[in-house]
């Protein structure tokens, strides 16, 4: 789930701004998603 939604967030599609519950995530999974997506954005800019 985190891998899927992190890809959606990086793509910047219309679903990238959904509430975590609409994504089917728990609060803890959402925390993981936000950390992974932030790191992935930096990695995408660099590499």
ModelCIF file with pLDDT and N, C-alpha, C, O atoms, coordinates in Angstrom:
data_MODEL
#
_entry.id   MODEL 
#
_entity.id                         1 
_entity.type                       polymer 
_entity.pdbx_number_of_molecules   1 
#
_entity_poly.entity_id                      1 
_entity_poly.type                           'polypeptide(L)' 
_entity_poly.nstd_linkage                   no 
_entity_poly.nstd_monomer                   no 
_entity_poly.pdbx_seq_one_letter_code       
;(UNK)(UNK)(UNK)(UNK)(UNK)(UNK)(UNK)(UNK)(UNK)(UNK)(UNK)(UNK)(UNK)(UNK)(UNK)(UNK)
(UNK)(UNK)(UNK)(UNK)(UNK)(UNK)(UNK)(UNK)(UNK)(UNK)(UNK)(UNK)(UNK)(UNK)(UNK)(UNK)
(UNK)(UNK)(UNK)(UNK)(UNK)(UNK)(UNK)(UNK)(UNK)(UNK)(UNK)(UNK)(UNK)(UNK)(UNK)
;
_entity_poly.pdbx_seq_one_letter_code_can   XXXXXXXXXXXXXXXXXXXXXXXXXXXXXXXXXXXXXXXXXXXXXXX 
_entity_poly.pdbx_strand_id                 A 
#
loop_
_entity_poly_seq.entity_id 
_entity_poly_seq.num 
_entity_poly_seq.mon_id 
_entity_poly_seq.hetero 
1 1  UNK n 
1 2  UNK n 
1 3  UNK n 
1 4  UNK n 
1 5  UNK n 
1 6  UNK n 
1 7  UNK n 
1 8  UNK n 
1 9  UNK n 
1 10 UNK n 
1 11 UNK n 
1 12 UNK n 
1 13 UNK n 
1 14 UNK n 
1 15 UNK n 
1 16 UNK n 
1 17 UNK n 
1 18 UNK n 
1 19 UNK n 
1 20 UNK n 
1 21 UNK n 
1 22 UNK n 
1 23 UNK n 
1 24 UNK n 
1 25 UNK n 
1 26 UNK n 
1 27 UNK n 
1 28 UNK n 
1 29 UNK n 
1 30 UNK n 
1 31 UNK n 
1 32 UNK n 
1 33 UNK n 
1 34 UNK n 
1 35 UNK n 
1 36 UNK n 
1 37 UNK n 
1 38 UNK n 
1 39 UNK n 
1 40 UNK n 
1 41 UNK n 
1 42 UNK n 
1 43 UNK n 
1 44 UNK n 
1 45 UNK n 
1 46 UNK n 
1 47 UNK n 
#
_struct_asym.id          A 
_struct_asym.entity_id   1 
#
loop_
_ma_qa_metric.id 
_ma_qa_metric.mode 
_ma_qa_metric.name 
_ma_qa_metric.software_group_id 
_ma_qa_metric.type 
1 global pLDDT . pLDDT 
2 local  pLDDT . pLDDT 
#
_ma_qa_metric_global.metric_id      1 
_ma_qa_metric_global.metric_value   91.98 
_ma_qa_metric_global.model_id       1 
_ma_qa_metric_global.ordinal_id     1 
#
loop_
_ma_qa_metric_local.label_asym_id 
_ma_qa_metric_local.label_comp_id 
_ma_qa_metric_local.label_seq_id 
_ma_qa_metric_local.metric_id 
_ma_qa_metric_local.metric_value 
_ma_qa_metric_local.model_id 
_ma_qa_metric_local.ordinal_id 
A UNK 1  2 95.00 1 1  
A UNK 2  2 96.00 1 2  
A UNK 3  2 96.00 1 3  
A UNK 4  2 95.00 1 4  
A UNK 5  2 94.00 1 5  
A UNK 6  2 95.00 1 6  
A UNK 7  2 94.00 1 7  
A UNK 8  2 93.00 1 8  
A UNK 9  2 93.00 1 9  
A UNK 10 2 93.00 1 10 
A UNK 11 2 91.00 1 11 
A UNK 12 2 88.00 1 12 
A UNK 13 2 76.00 1 13 
A UNK 14 2 77.00 1 14 
A UNK 15 2 80.00 1 15 
A UNK 16 2 79.00 1 16 
A UNK 17 2 81.00 1 17 
A UNK 18 2 86.00 1 18 
A UNK 19 2 88.00 1 19 
A UNK 20 2 90.00 1 20 
A UNK 21 2 89.00 1 21 
A UNK 22 2 90.00 1 22 
A UNK 23 2 90.00 1 23 
A UNK 24 2 90.00 1 24 
A UNK 25 2 92.00 1 25 
A UNK 26 2 91.00 1 26 
A UNK 27 2 91.00 1 27 
A UNK 28 2 92.00 1 28 
A UNK 29 2 94.00 1 29 
A UNK 30 2 94.00 1 30 
A UNK 31 2 95.00 1 31 
A UNK 32 2 96.00 1 32 
A UNK 33 2 96.00 1 33 
A UNK 34 2 95.00 1 34 
A UNK 35 2 97.00 1 35 
A UNK 36 2 97.00 1 36 
A UNK 37 2 95.00 1 37 
A UNK 38 2 95.00 1 38 
A UNK 39 2 96.00 1 39 
A UNK 40 2 96.00 1 40 
A UNK 41 2 95.00 1 41 
A UNK 42 2 96.00 1 42 
A UNK 43 2 96.00 1 43 
A UNK 44 2 96.00 1 44 
A UNK 45 2 95.00 1 45 
A UNK 46 2 97.00 1 46 
A UNK 47 2 97.00 1 47 
#
loop_
_atom_site.group_PDB 
_atom_site.id 
_atom_site.type_symbol 
_atom_site.label_atom_id 
_atom_site.label_alt_id 
_atom_site.label_comp_id 
_atom_site.label_asym_id 
_atom_site.label_entity_id 
_atom_site.label_seq_id 
_atom_site.pdbx_PDB_ins_code 
_atom_site.Cartn_x 
_atom_site.Cartn_y 
_atom_site.Cartn_z 
_atom_site.occupancy 
_atom_site.B_iso_or_equiv 
_atom_site.pdbx_formal_charge 
_atom_site.auth_seq_id 
_atom_site.auth_comp_id 
_atom_site.auth_asym_id 
_atom_site.auth_atom_id 
_atom_site.pdbx_PDB_model_num 
ATOM 1   N N  . UNK A 1 1  ? 0.829  -1.215 0.000   1.00 95.00 ? 1  UNK A N  1 
ATOM 2   C CA . UNK A 1 1  ? 0.000  0.000  0.000   1.00 95.00 ? 1  UNK A CA 1 
ATOM 3   C C  . UNK A 1 1  ? 0.861  1.263  0.000   1.00 95.00 ? 1  UNK A C  1 
ATOM 4   O O  . UNK A 1 1  ? 0.600  2.196  -0.759  1.00 95.00 ? 1  UNK A O  1 
ATOM 5   N N  . UNK A 1 2  ? 1.882  1.289  0.847   1.00 96.00 ? 2  UNK A N  1 
ATOM 6   C CA . UNK A 1 2  ? 2.756  2.460  0.931   1.00 96.00 ? 2  UNK A CA 1 
ATOM 7   C C  . UNK A 1 2  ? 3.488  2.664  -0.394  1.00 96.00 ? 2  UNK A C  1 
ATOM 8   O O  . UNK A 1 2  ? 3.613  3.796  -0.861  1.00 96.00 ? 2  UNK A O  1 
ATOM 9   N N  . UNK A 1 3  ? 3.969  1.587  -1.000  1.00 96.00 ? 3  UNK A N  1 
ATOM 10  C CA . UNK A 1 3  ? 4.666  1.694  -2.281  1.00 96.00 ? 3  UNK A CA 1 
ATOM 11  C C  . UNK A 1 3  ? 3.738  2.255  -3.351  1.00 96.00 ? 3  UNK A C  1 
ATOM 12  O O  . UNK A 1 3  ? 4.124  3.144  -4.109  1.00 96.00 ? 3  UNK A O  1 
ATOM 13  N N  . UNK A 1 4  ? 2.522  1.738  -3.412  1.00 95.00 ? 4  UNK A N  1 
ATOM 14  C CA . UNK A 1 4  ? 1.556  2.227  -4.405  1.00 95.00 ? 4  UNK A CA 1 
ATOM 15  C C  . UNK A 1 4  ? 1.269  3.716  -4.227  1.00 95.00 ? 4  UNK A C  1 
ATOM 16  O O  . UNK A 1 4  ? 1.385  4.497  -5.171  1.00 95.00 ? 4  UNK A O  1 
ATOM 17  N N  . UNK A 1 5  ? 0.894  4.099  -3.005  1.00 94.00 ? 5  UNK A N  1 
ATOM 18  C CA . UNK A 1 5  ? 0.496  5.480  -2.777  1.00 94.00 ? 5  UNK A CA 1 
ATOM 19  C C  . UNK A 1 5  ? 1.669  6.453  -2.862  1.00 94.00 ? 5  UNK A C  1 
ATOM 20  O O  . UNK A 1 5  ? 1.476  7.609  -3.241  1.00 94.00 ? 5  UNK A O  1 
ATOM 21  N N  . UNK A 1 6  ? 2.875  6.015  -2.519  1.00 95.00 ? 6  UNK A N  1 
ATOM 22  C CA . UNK A 1 6  ? 4.043  6.888  -2.690  1.00 95.00 ? 6  UNK A CA 1 
ATOM 23  C C  . UNK A 1 6  ? 4.272  7.169  -4.175  1.00 95.00 ? 6  UNK A C  1 
ATOM 24  O O  . UNK A 1 6  ? 4.624  8.289  -4.547  1.00 95.00 ? 6  UNK A O  1 
ATOM 25  N N  . UNK A 1 7  ? 4.073  6.162  -5.020  1.00 94.00 ? 7  UNK A N  1 
ATOM 26  C CA . UNK A 1 7  ? 4.181  6.377  -6.457  1.00 94.00 ? 7  UNK A CA 1 
ATOM 27  C C  . UNK A 1 7  ? 3.133  7.351  -6.974  1.00 94.00 ? 7  UNK A C  1 
ATOM 28  O O  . UNK A 1 7  ? 3.423  8.198  -7.819  1.00 94.00 ? 7  UNK A O  1 
ATOM 29  N N  . UNK A 1 8  ? 1.917  7.225  -6.462  1.00 93.00 ? 8  UNK A N  1 
ATOM 30  C CA . UNK A 1 8  ? 0.840  8.151  -6.853  1.00 93.00 ? 8  UNK A CA 1 
ATOM 31  C C  . UNK A 1 8  ? 1.200  9.575  -6.426  1.00 93.00 ? 8  UNK A C  1 
ATOM 32  O O  . UNK A 1 8  ? 0.998  10.526 -7.181  1.00 93.00 ? 8  UNK A O  1 
ATOM 33  N N  . UNK A 1 9  ? 1.727  9.713  -5.224  1.00 93.00 ? 9  UNK A N  1 
ATOM 34  C CA . UNK A 1 9  ? 2.112  11.040 -4.727  1.00 93.00 ? 9  UNK A CA 1 
ATOM 35  C C  . UNK A 1 9  ? 3.218  11.635 -5.585  1.00 93.00 ? 9  UNK A C  1 
ATOM 36  O O  . UNK A 1 9  ? 3.167  12.816 -5.929  1.00 93.00 ? 9  UNK A O  1 
ATOM 37  N N  . UNK A 1 10 ? 4.213  10.833 -5.933  1.00 93.00 ? 10 UNK A N  1 
ATOM 38  C CA . UNK A 1 10 ? 5.299  11.352 -6.781  1.00 93.00 ? 10 UNK A CA 1 
ATOM 39  C C  . UNK A 1 10 ? 4.795  11.748 -8.162  1.00 93.00 ? 10 UNK A C  1 
ATOM 40  O O  . UNK A 1 10 ? 5.265  12.727 -8.742  1.00 93.00 ? 10 UNK A O  1 
ATOM 41  N N  . UNK A 1 11 ? 3.838  10.988 -8.687  1.00 91.00 ? 11 UNK A N  1 
ATOM 42  C CA . UNK A 1 11 ? 3.272  11.318 -9.994  1.00 91.00 ? 11 UNK A CA 1 
ATOM 43  C C  . UNK A 1 11 ? 2.471  12.617 -9.940  1.00 91.00 ? 11 UNK A C  1 
ATOM 44  O O  . UNK A 1 11 ? 2.313  13.295 -10.956 1.00 91.00 ? 11 UNK A O  1 
ATOM 45  N N  . UNK A 1 12 ? 1.968  12.963 -8.758  1.00 88.00 ? 12 UNK A N  1 
ATOM 46  C CA . UNK A 1 12 ? 1.217  14.207 -8.591  1.00 88.00 ? 12 UNK A CA 1 
ATOM 47  C C  . UNK A 1 12 ? -0.171 14.169 -9.195  1.00 88.00 ? 12 UNK A C  1 
ATOM 48  O O  . UNK A 1 12 ? -0.718 15.217 -9.540  1.00 88.00 ? 12 UNK A O  1 
ATOM 49  N N  . UNK A 1 13 ? -0.757 12.986 -9.331  1.00 76.00 ? 13 UNK A N  1 
ATOM 50  C CA . UNK A 1 13 ? -2.099 12.863 -9.892  1.00 76.00 ? 13 UNK A CA 1 
ATOM 51  C C  . UNK A 1 13 ? -3.160 13.426 -8.975  1.00 76.00 ? 13 UNK A C  1 
ATOM 52  O O  . UNK A 1 13 ? -2.870 13.893 -7.873  1.00 76.00 ? 13 UNK A O  1 
ATOM 53  N N  . UNK A 1 14 ? -4.391 13.375 -9.443  1.00 77.00 ? 14 UNK A N  1 
ATOM 54  C CA . UNK A 1 14 ? -5.499 13.945 -8.667  1.00 77.00 ? 14 UNK A CA 1 
ATOM 55  C C  . UNK A 1 14 ? -5.718 13.195 -7.357  1.00 77.00 ? 14 UNK A C  1 
ATOM 56  O O  . UNK A 1 14 ? -6.264 13.766 -6.413  1.00 77.00 ? 14 UNK A O  1 
ATOM 57  N N  . UNK A 1 15 ? -5.304 11.930 -7.276  1.00 80.00 ? 15 UNK A N  1 
ATOM 58  C CA . UNK A 1 15 ? -5.491 11.164 -6.047  1.00 80.00 ? 15 UNK A CA 1 
ATOM 59  C C  . UNK A 1 15 ? -4.370 11.401 -5.042  1.00 80.00 ? 15 UNK A C  1 
ATOM 60  O O  . UNK A 1 15 ? -4.415 10.861 -3.936  1.00 80.00 ? 15 UNK A O  1 
ATOM 61  N N  . UNK A 1 16 ? -3.376 12.189 -5.399  1.00 79.00 ? 16 UNK A N  1 
ATOM 62  C CA . UNK A 1 16 ? -2.230 12.409 -4.511  1.00 79.00 ? 16 UNK A CA 1 
ATOM 63  C C  . UNK A 1 16 ? -2.601 13.196 -3.258  1.00 79.00 ? 16 UNK A C  1 
ATOM 64  O O  . UNK A 1 16 ? -1.871 13.142 -2.268  1.00 79.00 ? 16 UNK A O  1 
ATOM 65  N N  . UNK A 1 17 ? -3.710 13.921 -3.274  1.00 81.00 ? 17 UNK A N  1 
ATOM 66  C CA . UNK A 1 17 ? -4.095 14.753 -2.134  1.00 81.00 ? 17 UNK A CA 1 
ATOM 67  C C  . UNK A 1 17 ? -5.223 14.148 -1.313  1.00 81.00 ? 17 UNK A C  1 
ATOM 68  O O  . UNK A 1 17 ? -5.895 14.862 -0.568  1.00 81.00 ? 17 UNK A O  1 
ATOM 69  N N  . UNK A 1 18 ? -5.439 12.851 -1.438  1.00 86.00 ? 18 UNK A N  1 
ATOM 70  C CA . UNK A 1 18 ? -6.522 12.208 -0.706  1.00 86.00 ? 18 UNK A CA 1 
ATOM 71  C C  . UNK A 1 18 ? -6.186 12.051 0.768   1.00 86.00 ? 18 UNK A C  1 
ATOM 72  O O  . UNK A 1 18 ? -5.021 12.030 1.165   1.00 86.00 ? 18 UNK A O  1 
ATOM 73  N N  . UNK A 1 19 ? -7.220 11.943 1.550   1.00 88.00 ? 19 UNK A N  1 
ATOM 74  C CA . UNK A 1 19 ? -7.094 11.642 2.964   1.00 88.00 ? 19 UNK A CA 1 
ATOM 75  C C  . UNK A 1 19 ? -6.562 10.217 3.104   1.00 88.00 ? 19 UNK A C  1 
ATOM 76  O O  . UNK A 1 19 ? -6.890 9.349  2.295   1.00 88.00 ? 19 UNK A O  1 
ATOM 77  N N  . UNK A 1 20 ? -5.746 9.974  4.125   1.00 90.00 ? 20 UNK A N  1 
ATOM 78  C CA . UNK A 1 20 ? -5.138 8.650  4.285   1.00 90.00 ? 20 UNK A CA 1 
ATOM 79  C C  . UNK A 1 20 ? -6.172 7.546  4.440   1.00 90.00 ? 20 UNK A C  1 
ATOM 80  O O  . UNK A 1 20 ? -5.929 6.419  4.008   1.00 90.00 ? 20 UNK A O  1 
ATOM 81  N N  . UNK A 1 21 ? -7.305 7.834  5.038   1.00 89.00 ? 21 UNK A N  1 
ATOM 82  C CA . UNK A 1 21 ? -8.335 6.806  5.192   1.00 89.00 ? 21 UNK A CA 1 
ATOM 83  C C  . UNK A 1 21 ? -8.967 6.462  3.851   1.00 89.00 ? 21 UNK A C  1 
ATOM 84  O O  . UNK A 1 21 ? -9.364 5.318  3.631   1.00 89.00 ? 21 UNK A O  1 
ATOM 85  N N  . UNK A 1 22 ? -9.064 7.438  2.952   1.00 90.00 ? 22 UNK A N  1 
ATOM 86  C CA . UNK A 1 22 ? -9.562 7.164  1.612   1.00 90.00 ? 22 UNK A CA 1 
ATOM 87  C C  . UNK A 1 22 ? -8.580 6.298  0.835   1.00 90.00 ? 22 UNK A C  1 
ATOM 88  O O  . UNK A 1 22 ? -8.966 5.607  -0.107  1.00 90.00 ? 22 UNK A O  1 
ATOM 89  N N  . UNK A 1 23 ? -7.320 6.335  1.227   1.00 90.00 ? 23 UNK A N  1 
ATOM 90  C CA . UNK A 1 23 ? -6.301 5.488  0.601   1.00 90.00 ? 23 UNK A CA 1 
ATOM 91  C C  . UNK A 1 23 ? -6.296 4.081  1.195   1.00 90.00 ? 23 UNK A C  1 
ATOM 92  O O  . UNK A 1 23 ? -5.607 3.200  0.681   1.00 90.00 ? 23 UNK A O  1 
ATOM 93  N N  . UNK A 1 24 ? -7.054 3.858  2.271   1.00 90.00 ? 24 UNK A N  1 
ATOM 94  C CA . UNK A 1 24 ? -7.093 2.560  2.922   1.00 90.00 ? 24 UNK A CA 1 
ATOM 95  C C  . UNK A 1 24 ? -5.951 2.346  3.893   1.00 90.00 ? 24 UNK A C  1 
ATOM 96  O O  . UNK A 1 24 ? -5.585 1.208  4.185   1.00 90.00 ? 24 UNK A O  1 
ATOM 97  N N  . UNK A 1 25 ? -5.382 3.438  4.399   1.00 92.00 ? 25 UNK A N  1 
ATOM 98  C CA . UNK A 1 25 ? -4.239 3.359  5.305   1.00 92.00 ? 25 UNK A CA 1 
ATOM 99  C C  . UNK A 1 25 ? -4.647 3.656  6.738   1.00 92.00 ? 25 UNK A C  1 
ATOM 100 O O  . UNK A 1 25 ? -5.612 4.379  6.984   1.00 92.00 ? 25 UNK A O  1 
ATOM 101 N N  . UNK A 1 26 ? -3.906 3.093  7.675   1.00 91.00 ? 26 UNK A N  1 
ATOM 102 C CA . UNK A 1 26 ? -4.080 3.454  9.081   1.00 91.00 ? 26 UNK A CA 1 
ATOM 103 C C  . UNK A 1 26 ? -3.249 4.711  9.344   1.00 91.00 ? 26 UNK A C  1 
ATOM 104 O O  . UNK A 1 26 ? -2.503 5.163  8.475   1.00 91.00 ? 26 UNK A O  1 
ATOM 105 N N  . UNK A 1 27 ? -3.382 5.261  10.530  1.00 91.00 ? 27 UNK A N  1 
ATOM 106 C CA . UNK A 1 27 ? -2.591 6.440  10.884  1.00 91.00 ? 27 UNK A CA 1 
ATOM 107 C C  . UNK A 1 27 ? -1.099 6.150  10.859  1.00 91.00 ? 27 UNK A C  1 
ATOM 108 O O  . UNK A 1 27 ? -0.313 6.958  10.365  1.00 91.00 ? 27 UNK A O  1 
ATOM 109 N N  . UNK A 1 28 ? -0.710 5.004  11.388  1.00 92.00 ? 28 UNK A N  1 
ATOM 110 C CA . UNK A 1 28 ? 0.704  4.625  11.396  1.00 92.00 ? 28 UNK A CA 1 
ATOM 111 C C  . UNK A 1 28 ? 1.242  4.389  9.995   1.00 92.00 ? 28 UNK A C  1 
ATOM 112 O O  . UNK A 1 28 ? 2.368  4.777  9.685   1.00 92.00 ? 28 UNK A O  1 
ATOM 113 N N  . UNK A 1 29 ? 0.440  3.753  9.146   1.00 94.00 ? 29 UNK A N  1 
ATOM 114 C CA . UNK A 1 29 ? 0.852  3.543  7.758   1.00 94.00 ? 29 UNK A CA 1 
ATOM 115 C C  . UNK A 1 29 ? 0.976  4.876  7.029   1.00 94.00 ? 29 UNK A C  1 
ATOM 116 O O  . UNK A 1 29 ? 1.850  5.047  6.178   1.00 94.00 ? 29 UNK A O  1 
ATOM 117 N N  . UNK A 1 30 ? 0.104  5.814  7.363   1.00 94.00 ? 30 UNK A N  1 
ATOM 118 C CA . UNK A 1 30 ? 0.200  7.141  6.759   1.00 94.00 ? 30 UNK A CA 1 
ATOM 119 C C  . UNK A 1 30 ? 1.484  7.845  7.177   1.00 94.00 ? 30 UNK A C  1 
ATOM 120 O O  . UNK A 1 30 ? 2.099  8.539  6.367   1.00 94.00 ? 30 UNK A O  1 
ATOM 121 N N  . UNK A 1 31 ? 1.894  7.675  8.430   1.00 95.00 ? 31 UNK A N  1 
ATOM 122 C CA . UNK A 1 31 ? 3.168  8.255  8.880   1.00 95.00 ? 31 UNK A CA 1 
ATOM 123 C C  . UNK A 1 31 ? 4.325  7.686  8.059   1.00 95.00 ? 31 UNK A C  1 
ATOM 124 O O  . UNK A 1 31 ? 5.231  8.416  7.657   1.00 95.00 ? 31 UNK A O  1 
ATOM 125 N N  . UNK A 1 32 ? 4.284  6.379  7.817   1.00 96.00 ? 32 UNK A N  1 
ATOM 126 C CA . UNK A 1 32 ? 5.315  5.745  6.989   1.00 96.00 ? 32 UNK A CA 1 
ATOM 127 C C  . UNK A 1 32 ? 5.265  6.311  5.574   1.00 96.00 ? 32 UNK A C  1 
ATOM 128 O O  . UNK A 1 32 ? 6.300  6.640  4.996   1.00 96.00 ? 32 UNK A O  1 
ATOM 129 N N  . UNK A 1 33 ? 4.062  6.422  5.020   1.00 96.00 ? 33 UNK A N  1 
ATOM 130 C CA . UNK A 1 33 ? 3.902  6.951  3.663   1.00 96.00 ? 33 UNK A CA 1 
ATOM 131 C C  . UNK A 1 33 ? 4.480  8.354  3.547   1.00 96.00 ? 33 UNK A C  1 
ATOM 132 O O  . UNK A 1 33 ? 5.200  8.648  2.593   1.00 96.00 ? 33 UNK A O  1 
ATOM 133 N N  . UNK A 1 34 ? 4.176  9.218  4.500   1.00 95.00 ? 34 UNK A N  1 
ATOM 134 C CA . UNK A 1 34 ? 4.683  10.597 4.421   1.00 95.00 ? 34 UNK A CA 1 
ATOM 135 C C  . UNK A 1 34 ? 6.201  10.632 4.476   1.00 95.00 ? 34 UNK A C  1 
ATOM 136 O O  . UNK A 1 34 ? 6.828  11.378 3.723   1.00 95.00 ? 34 UNK A O  1 
ATOM 137 N N  . UNK A 1 35 ? 6.802  9.837  5.356   1.00 97.00 ? 35 UNK A N  1 
ATOM 138 C CA . UNK A 1 35 ? 8.268  9.807  5.451   1.00 97.00 ? 35 UNK A CA 1 
ATOM 139 C C  . UNK A 1 35 ? 8.889  9.253  4.171   1.00 97.00 ? 35 UNK A C  1 
ATOM 140 O O  . UNK A 1 35 ? 9.882  9.789  3.679   1.00 97.00 ? 35 UNK A O  1 
ATOM 141 N N  . UNK A 1 36 ? 8.311  8.189  3.636   1.00 97.00 ? 36 UNK A N  1 
ATOM 142 C CA . UNK A 1 36 ? 8.833  7.582  2.411   1.00 97.00 ? 36 UNK A CA 1 
ATOM 143 C C  . UNK A 1 36 ? 8.672  8.535  1.235   1.00 97.00 ? 36 UNK A C  1 
ATOM 144 O O  . UNK A 1 36 ? 9.595  8.686  0.434   1.00 97.00 ? 36 UNK A O  1 
ATOM 145 N N  . UNK A 1 37 ? 7.520  9.178  1.120   1.00 95.00 ? 37 UNK A N  1 
ATOM 146 C CA . UNK A 1 37 ? 7.280  10.100 0.005   1.00 95.00 ? 37 UNK A CA 1 
ATOM 147 C C  . UNK A 1 37 ? 8.228  11.308 0.072   1.00 95.00 ? 37 UNK A C  1 
ATOM 148 O O  . UNK A 1 37 ? 8.741  11.752 -0.955  1.00 95.00 ? 37 UNK A O  1 
ATOM 149 N N  . UNK A 1 38 ? 8.458  11.831 1.269   1.00 95.00 ? 38 UNK A N  1 
ATOM 150 C CA . UNK A 1 38 ? 9.383  12.960 1.415   1.00 95.00 ? 38 UNK A CA 1 
ATOM 151 C C  . UNK A 1 38 ? 10.797 12.563 0.982   1.00 95.00 ? 38 UNK A C  1 
ATOM 152 O O  . UNK A 1 38 ? 11.459 13.305 0.257   1.00 95.00 ? 38 UNK A O  1 
ATOM 153 N N  . UNK A 1 39 ? 11.250 11.401 1.426   1.00 96.00 ? 39 UNK A N  1 
ATOM 154 C CA . UNK A 1 39 ? 12.581 10.933 1.046   1.00 96.00 ? 39 UNK A CA 1 
ATOM 155 C C  . UNK A 1 39 ? 12.653 10.666 -0.459  1.00 96.00 ? 39 UNK A C  1 
ATOM 156 O O  . UNK A 1 39 ? 13.673 10.938 -1.092  1.00 96.00 ? 39 UNK A O  1 
ATOM 157 N N  . UNK A 1 40 ? 11.575 10.135 -1.025  1.00 96.00 ? 40 UNK A N  1 
ATOM 158 C CA . UNK A 1 40 ? 11.556 9.834  -2.460  1.00 96.00 ? 40 UNK A CA 1 
ATOM 159 C C  . UNK A 1 40 ? 11.588 11.108 -3.302  1.00 96.00 ? 40 UNK A C  1 
ATOM 160 O O  . UNK A 1 40 ? 12.226 11.141 -4.354  1.00 96.00 ? 40 UNK A O  1 
ATOM 161 N N  . UNK A 1 41 ? 10.900 12.157 -2.842  1.00 95.00 ? 41 UNK A N  1 
ATOM 162 C CA . UNK A 1 41 ? 10.957 13.430 -3.585  1.00 95.00 ? 41 UNK A CA 1 
ATOM 163 C C  . UNK A 1 41 ? 12.389 13.949 -3.653  1.00 95.00 ? 41 UNK A C  1 
ATOM 164 O O  . UNK A 1 41 ? 12.852 14.374 -4.711  1.00 95.00 ? 41 UNK A O  1 
ATOM 165 N N  . UNK A 1 42 ? 13.085 13.910 -2.522  1.00 96.00 ? 42 UNK A N  1 
ATOM 166 C CA . UNK A 1 42 ? 14.484 14.368 -2.490  1.00 96.00 ? 42 UNK A CA 1 
ATOM 167 C C  . UNK A 1 42 ? 15.356 13.489 -3.382  1.00 96.00 ? 42 UNK A C  1 
ATOM 168 O O  . UNK A 1 42 ? 16.219 13.991 -4.102  1.00 96.00 ? 42 UNK A O  1 
ATOM 169 N N  . UNK A 1 43 ? 15.132 12.191 -3.334  1.00 96.00 ? 43 UNK A N  1 
ATOM 170 C CA . UNK A 1 43 ? 15.909 11.259 -4.161  1.00 96.00 ? 43 UNK A CA 1 
ATOM 171 C C  . UNK A 1 43 ? 15.631 11.479 -5.650  1.00 96.00 ? 43 UNK A C  1 
ATOM 172 O O  . UNK A 1 43 ? 16.537 11.391 -6.479  1.00 96.00 ? 43 UNK A O  1 
ATOM 173 N N  . UNK A 1 44 ? 14.375 11.765 -5.977  1.00 96.00 ? 44 UNK A N  1 
ATOM 174 C CA . UNK A 1 44 ? 14.015 12.009 -7.377  1.00 96.00 ? 44 UNK A CA 1 
ATOM 175 C C  . UNK A 1 44 ? 14.704 13.273 -7.895  1.00 96.00 ? 44 UNK A C  1 
ATOM 176 O O  . UNK A 1 44 ? 15.191 13.298 -9.026  1.00 96.00 ? 44 UNK A O  1 
ATOM 177 N N  . UNK A 1 45 ? 14.744 14.313 -7.074  1.00 95.00 ? 45 UNK A N  1 
ATOM 178 C CA . UNK A 1 45 ? 15.428 15.545 -7.501  1.00 95.00 ? 45 UNK A CA 1 
ATOM 179 C C  . UNK A 1 45 ? 16.923 15.306 -7.694  1.00 95.00 ? 45 UNK A C  1 
ATOM 180 O O  . UNK A 1 45 ? 17.524 15.847 -8.623  1.00 95.00 ? 45 UNK A O  1 
ATOM 181 N N  . UNK A 1 46 ? 17.518 14.505 -6.827  1.00 97.00 ? 46 UNK A N  1 
ATOM 182 C CA . UNK A 1 46 ? 18.963 14.284 -6.872  1.00 97.00 ? 46 UNK A CA 1 
ATOM 183 C C  . UNK A 1 46 ? 19.387 13.250 -7.909  1.00 97.00 ? 46 UNK A C  1 
ATOM 184 O O  . UNK A 1 46 ? 20.407 13.425 -8.576  1.00 97.00 ? 46 UNK A O  1 
ATOM 185 N N  . UNK A 1 47 ? 18.608 12.166 -8.052  1.00 97.00 ? 47 UNK A N  1 
ATOM 186 C CA . UNK A 1 47 ? 19.080 11.055 -8.867  1.00 97.00 ? 47 UNK A CA 1 
ATOM 187 C C  . UNK A 1 47 ? 18.077 10.518 -9.879  1.00 97.00 ? 47 UNK A C  1 
ATOM 188 O O  . UNK A 1 47 ? 18.383 9.579  -10.614 1.00 97.00 ? 47 UNK A O  1 
#
